[in-house]
Amino acid sequence: MSFQQSTFSVADYTRSILSILLFFLLLLLFTPIIFLLLVMTLGKASNFVVESIAPAIAKPVLKMAGVTFRIKKYVKPIPAPAVYVVNHSSTLDVLTILALGLPRVRFVAKWQIQYNPIFLILGRLTGQVFIRREESNKAVETLRKSVKRIKKNKLSLLMAPEGSRKHPGIIGPFKKGPFRMAIDLKYPIVPVYFEGNRELCSGDFLVTKKGTSTAHIFPPVDTSAWEIETIENHINEVRSIYLDWANIRE
């Protein structure tokens, strides 16, 4: 058990349990509304669901957990379409990602999330992308098959280059997926850095301390001159930015 996990108080556990219950209650309440919206609009309400309804679910849950969520934008308007990349080292990231309300975005999530029937239905109806992270070749193939649909509809993608929150160090190794997608889509990469999430909630479950989480949305990284042959260099360049933000020297 980590130091952070061992210092959770009874109040932390109580707020966290209530926030989890609230999340599933809101999800159950909104699911039929989302379903009706998507059916009535023939799927055209997907962007509204991601940009407005998802934050409407996530923000009250964060508040119940005692987390003050802030968004700091260093570029206006937020570039779109784009490949948004986020650091991932906390269970809390799931809620802060939903709370962002980024324009016309679709999330790339692990395949196992679909084992929950609600997530399966909502994810498929809204066009989210599910990949098998443990099978890199299949994951890349799934992403490449999504390029045509994403580009045709001028959608953005949100991806975590670390793949999983369980990785060595505060900023883990970056996988190729987001960077290959940026090249294939000819999209810029927009770095989003979550500050505070790891300190508030670093465990396997959504047990969090009371505090502040800040999402920093930075200016886009131009990828127009990137090539597949030099992708490792581009990955290292972007990762080094995250290391600086986390004040890490490797």
Protein backbone atom coordinates (compact mmCIF):
# COMPACT_ATOMS: atom_id res chain seq x y z
CA MET A 1 0.00 0.00 0.00
CA SER A 2 1.40 3.38 -1.00
CA PHE A 3 1.84 6.28 1.39
CA GLN A 4 -0.91 8.22 -0.35
CA GLN A 5 -3.34 5.32 -0.16
CA SER A 6 -2.59 4.74 3.55
CA THR A 7 -3.40 8.34 4.43
CA PHE A 8 -7.00 8.32 3.19
CA SER A 9 -9.37 9.37 5.96
CA VAL A 10 -12.84 8.06 6.80
CA ALA A 11 -14.24 11.24 5.23
CA ASP A 12 -12.29 10.53 2.02
CA TYR A 13 -13.76 7.04 1.79
CA THR A 14 -17.25 8.33 2.54
CA ARG A 15 -17.12 11.05 -0.14
CA SER A 16 -15.62 8.62 -2.63
CA ILE A 17 -18.32 5.98 -2.09
CA LEU A 18 -21.04 8.62 -2.42
CA SER A 19 -19.42 9.96 -5.61
CA ILE A 20 -19.32 6.49 -7.18
CA LEU A 21 -22.99 5.95 -6.32
CA LEU A 22 -23.82 9.37 -7.77
CA PHE A 23 -21.93 8.55 -10.97
CA PHE A 24 -23.92 5.41 -11.64
CA LEU A 25 -27.18 7.07 -10.64
CA LEU A 26 -26.59 9.93 -13.10
CA LEU A 27 -25.50 7.46 -15.75
CA LEU A 28 -28.72 5.48 -15.32
CA LEU A 29 -30.80 8.67 -15.46
CA PHE A 30 -29.09 10.07 -18.53
CA THR A 31 -28.79 6.82 -20.53
CA PRO A 32 -32.43 6.77 -21.79
CA ILE A 33 -32.21 10.49 -22.56
CA ILE A 34 -29.01 9.97 -24.54
CA PHE A 35 -30.52 6.97 -26.34
CA LEU A 36 -33.61 8.95 -27.37
CA LEU A 37 -31.52 11.91 -28.53
CA LEU A 38 -29.34 9.68 -30.68
CA VAL A 39 -32.28 7.81 -32.19
CA MET A 40 -34.28 10.98 -32.89
CA THR A 41 -31.28 12.70 -34.52
CA LEU A 42 -29.96 9.56 -36.27
CA GLY A 43 -26.76 9.82 -34.27
CA LYS A 44 -26.16 13.51 -34.94
CA ALA A 45 -26.48 14.34 -31.24
CA SER A 46 -23.26 12.44 -30.44
CA ASN A 47 -21.24 15.64 -30.21
CA PHE A 48 -23.79 17.19 -27.84
CA VAL A 49 -23.60 14.09 -25.66
CA VAL A 50 -19.80 14.26 -25.39
CA GLU A 51 -19.51 18.03 -25.13
CA SER A 52 -22.42 18.74 -22.77
CA ILE A 53 -23.95 15.66 -21.17
CA ALA A 54 -20.66 13.96 -20.24
CA PRO A 55 -19.46 17.04 -18.30
CA ALA A 56 -22.92 17.34 -16.71
CA ILE A 57 -22.40 13.85 -15.30
CA ALA A 58 -18.71 14.12 -14.38
CA LYS A 59 -18.63 17.54 -12.70
CA PRO A 60 -21.19 16.81 -9.92
CA VAL A 61 -19.38 13.53 -9.23
CA LEU A 62 -16.06 15.37 -8.86
CA LYS A 63 -17.71 17.88 -6.55
CA MET A 64 -19.21 15.09 -4.43
CA ALA A 65 -15.72 13.56 -4.17
CA GLY A 66 -14.40 16.86 -2.85
CA VAL A 67 -12.44 17.66 -6.01
CA THR A 68 -12.41 21.20 -7.37
CA PHE A 69 -11.93 20.84 -11.11
CA ARG A 70 -10.43 23.70 -13.10
CA ILE A 71 -9.58 24.09 -16.77
CA LYS A 72 -6.78 26.44 -17.82
CA LYS A 73 -6.61 27.19 -21.54
CA TYR A 74 -3.39 28.53 -23.01
CA VAL A 75 -4.89 28.71 -26.49
CA LYS A 76 -8.24 30.07 -27.70
CA PRO A 77 -10.25 28.67 -29.26
CA ILE A 78 -9.32 25.08 -28.48
CA PRO A 79 -7.91 23.65 -31.75
CA ALA A 80 -10.23 21.22 -33.50
CA PRO A 81 -10.07 18.78 -35.12
CA ALA A 82 -6.99 17.51 -33.30
CA VAL A 83 -5.51 14.57 -31.46
CA TYR A 84 -5.68 15.48 -27.77
CA VAL A 85 -3.15 13.63 -25.60
CA VAL A 86 -3.38 13.40 -21.81
CA ASN A 87 -1.11 12.08 -19.07
CA HIS A 88 -2.64 9.10 -17.31
CA SER A 89 -1.64 8.00 -13.81
CA SER A 90 -4.85 8.15 -11.79
CA THR A 91 -8.32 6.61 -11.70
CA LEU A 92 -9.57 10.19 -11.36
CA ASP A 93 -8.50 10.80 -14.98
CA VAL A 94 -11.68 9.12 -16.24
CA LEU A 95 -13.84 11.81 -14.66
CA THR A 96 -11.61 14.74 -15.58
CA ILE A 97 -11.50 13.56 -19.20
CA LEU A 98 -15.30 13.48 -19.33
CA ALA A 99 -15.50 16.87 -17.61
CA LEU A 100 -13.35 18.56 -20.28
CA GLY A 101 -16.17 18.80 -22.84
CA LEU A 102 -13.74 19.09 -25.75
CA PRO A 103 -15.24 19.93 -29.17
CA ARG A 104 -16.32 17.01 -31.41
CA VAL A 105 -14.08 14.60 -29.54
CA ARG A 106 -14.14 10.81 -29.44
CA PHE A 107 -12.31 8.83 -26.77
CA VAL A 108 -9.95 5.94 -27.38
CA ALA A 109 -10.57 3.51 -24.52
CA LYS A 110 -9.56 0.00 -23.56
CA TRP A 111 -11.70 -2.82 -24.93
CA GLN A 112 -12.61 -4.16 -21.47
CA ILE A 113 -14.75 -1.10 -20.64
CA GLN A 114 -17.40 -2.64 -22.89
CA TYR A 115 -17.94 -5.42 -20.36
CA ASN A 116 -20.21 -2.91 -18.64
CA PRO A 117 -23.39 -2.98 -20.77
CA ILE A 118 -24.14 0.73 -20.23
CA PHE A 119 -20.66 1.75 -21.39
CA LEU A 120 -20.96 -0.66 -24.31
CA ILE A 121 -24.26 0.83 -25.50
CA LEU A 122 -23.30 4.47 -24.97
CA GLY A 123 -19.82 3.98 -26.39
CA ARG A 124 -21.02 2.30 -29.55
CA LEU A 125 -23.90 4.73 -30.10
CA THR A 126 -21.65 7.77 -29.75
CA GLY A 127 -18.83 6.39 -31.89
CA GLN A 128 -16.10 5.92 -29.31
CA VAL A 129 -13.06 3.83 -30.27
CA PHE A 130 -12.25 0.70 -28.26
CA ILE A 131 -8.87 -0.99 -28.60
CA ARG A 132 -7.12 -4.03 -27.15
CA ARG A 133 -4.13 -2.32 -25.56
CA GLU A 134 -2.45 -5.61 -24.66
CA GLU A 135 -2.33 -6.52 -28.38
CA SER A 136 -0.48 -3.64 -29.99
CA ASN A 137 -0.86 -4.84 -33.59
CA LYS A 138 -4.65 -5.16 -33.25
CA ALA A 139 -4.82 -1.80 -31.47
CA VAL A 140 -2.97 -0.08 -34.31
CA GLU A 141 -5.19 -1.80 -36.89
CA THR A 142 -8.36 -0.67 -35.08
CA LEU A 143 -7.08 2.90 -34.98
CA ARG A 144 -6.17 2.88 -38.66
CA LYS A 145 -9.64 1.60 -39.58
CA SER A 146 -11.11 4.56 -37.69
CA VAL A 147 -9.14 7.17 -39.67
CA LYS A 148 -11.63 7.46 -42.54
CA ARG A 149 -14.65 7.90 -40.24
CA ILE A 150 -12.86 10.36 -37.95
CA LYS A 151 -11.58 12.48 -40.81
CA LYS A 152 -14.82 12.44 -42.81
CA ASN A 153 -16.79 13.77 -39.83
CA LYS A 154 -14.03 16.19 -38.76
CA LEU A 155 -13.88 14.59 -35.34
CA SER A 156 -11.10 14.86 -32.80
CA LEU A 157 -9.56 12.04 -30.78
CA LEU A 158 -8.50 11.96 -27.15
CA MET A 159 -5.83 9.42 -26.26
CA ALA A 160 -3.51 8.60 -23.36
CA PRO A 161 -0.05 7.86 -24.83
CA GLU A 162 0.92 5.90 -21.72
CA GLY A 163 -1.88 3.46 -22.48
CA SER A 164 -2.55 2.56 -18.85
CA ARG A 165 -2.34 4.40 -15.55
CA LYS A 166 -0.23 1.51 -14.22
CA HIS A 167 3.22 2.38 -15.46
CA PRO A 168 6.68 3.05 -14.02
CA GLY A 169 7.29 6.61 -12.92
CA ILE A 170 5.01 9.63 -12.86
CA ILE A 171 5.09 9.96 -16.66
CA GLY A 172 5.26 6.51 -18.23
CA PRO A 173 6.61 5.48 -21.64
CA PHE A 174 4.58 6.80 -24.59
CA LYS A 175 3.11 4.41 -27.15
CA LYS A 176 2.99 5.17 -30.88
CA GLY A 177 -0.80 5.15 -31.34
CA PRO A 178 -1.64 8.84 -30.82
CA PHE A 179 1.31 10.00 -32.89
CA ARG A 180 0.61 7.61 -35.74
CA MET A 181 -3.00 8.81 -35.75
CA ALA A 182 -1.89 12.44 -35.88
CA ILE A 183 0.25 11.67 -38.92
CA ASP A 184 -2.46 9.63 -40.67
CA LEU A 185 -5.17 12.21 -39.95
CA LYS A 186 -2.85 15.17 -40.61
CA TYR A 187 -4.04 16.65 -37.31
CA PRO A 188 -2.08 18.69 -34.78
CA ILE A 189 -1.47 17.23 -31.35
CA VAL A 190 -2.91 19.22 -28.45
CA PRO A 191 -1.25 18.35 -25.12
CA VAL A 192 -3.50 18.29 -22.07
CA TYR A 193 -1.78 17.98 -18.72
CA PHE A 194 -3.70 16.88 -15.63
CA GLU A 195 -2.15 18.43 -12.54
CA GLY A 196 -3.11 17.06 -9.13
CA ASN A 197 -4.92 13.87 -10.17
CA ARG A 198 -2.12 11.52 -9.15
CA GLU A 199 -1.71 13.19 -5.77
CA LEU A 200 -5.44 13.00 -5.02
CA CYS A 201 -6.12 9.50 -6.31
CA SER A 202 -3.31 7.12 -7.26
CA GLY A 203 -4.93 3.79 -6.40
CA ASP A 204 -6.82 1.17 -8.37
CA PHE A 205 -10.19 2.47 -7.17
CA LEU A 206 -11.86 5.87 -7.20
CA VAL A 207 -10.92 6.77 -3.63
CA THR A 208 -9.76 10.35 -3.62
CA LYS A 209 -8.62 13.02 -1.25
CA LYS A 210 -10.18 16.44 -1.14
CA GLY A 211 -8.30 18.92 -3.32
CA THR A 212 -7.88 20.56 -6.71
CA SER A 213 -7.45 19.03 -10.15
CA THR A 214 -6.36 21.29 -12.99
CA ALA A 215 -6.50 20.46 -16.70
CA HIS A 216 -3.98 22.54 -18.63
CA ILE A 217 -4.84 22.74 -22.33
CA PHE A 218 -1.75 23.87 -24.25
CA PRO A 219 -1.24 25.22 -27.79
CA PRO A 220 -1.11 22.61 -30.56
CA VAL A 221 2.03 20.84 -31.72
CA ASP A 222 2.31 21.06 -35.50
CA THR A 223 2.63 17.61 -37.09
CA SER A 224 2.46 18.61 -40.77
CA ALA A 225 6.14 17.76 -41.33
CA TRP A 226 6.15 14.56 -39.29
CA GLU A 227 6.96 11.25 -40.95
CA ILE A 228 6.50 7.64 -39.87
CA GLU A 229 10.24 7.04 -40.17
CA THR A 230 10.99 9.66 -37.51
CA ILE A 231 8.03 8.97 -35.22
CA GLU A 232 10.21 7.94 -32.27
CA ASN A 233 11.84 11.37 -32.29
CA HIS A 234 8.45 13.09 -32.24
CA ILE A 235 7.24 10.87 -29.40
CA ASN A 236 10.32 11.73 -27.34
CA GLU A 237 9.87 15.45 -28.05
CA VAL A 238 6.27 15.49 -26.83
CA ARG A 239 7.03 13.28 -23.84
CA SER A 240 9.86 15.59 -22.79
CA ILE A 241 7.32 18.41 -22.54
CA TYR A 242 5.26 16.34 -20.08
CA LEU A 243 8.38 15.53 -18.09
CA ASP A 244 9.08 19.25 -17.78
CA TRP A 245 5.52 19.96 -16.63
CA ALA A 246 5.82 17.20 -14.01
CA ASN A 247 9.24 18.57 -13.01
CA ILE A 248 10.95 15.25 -13.74
CA ARG A 249 14.51 14.70 -14.90
CA GLU A 250 15.36 11.32 -16.40
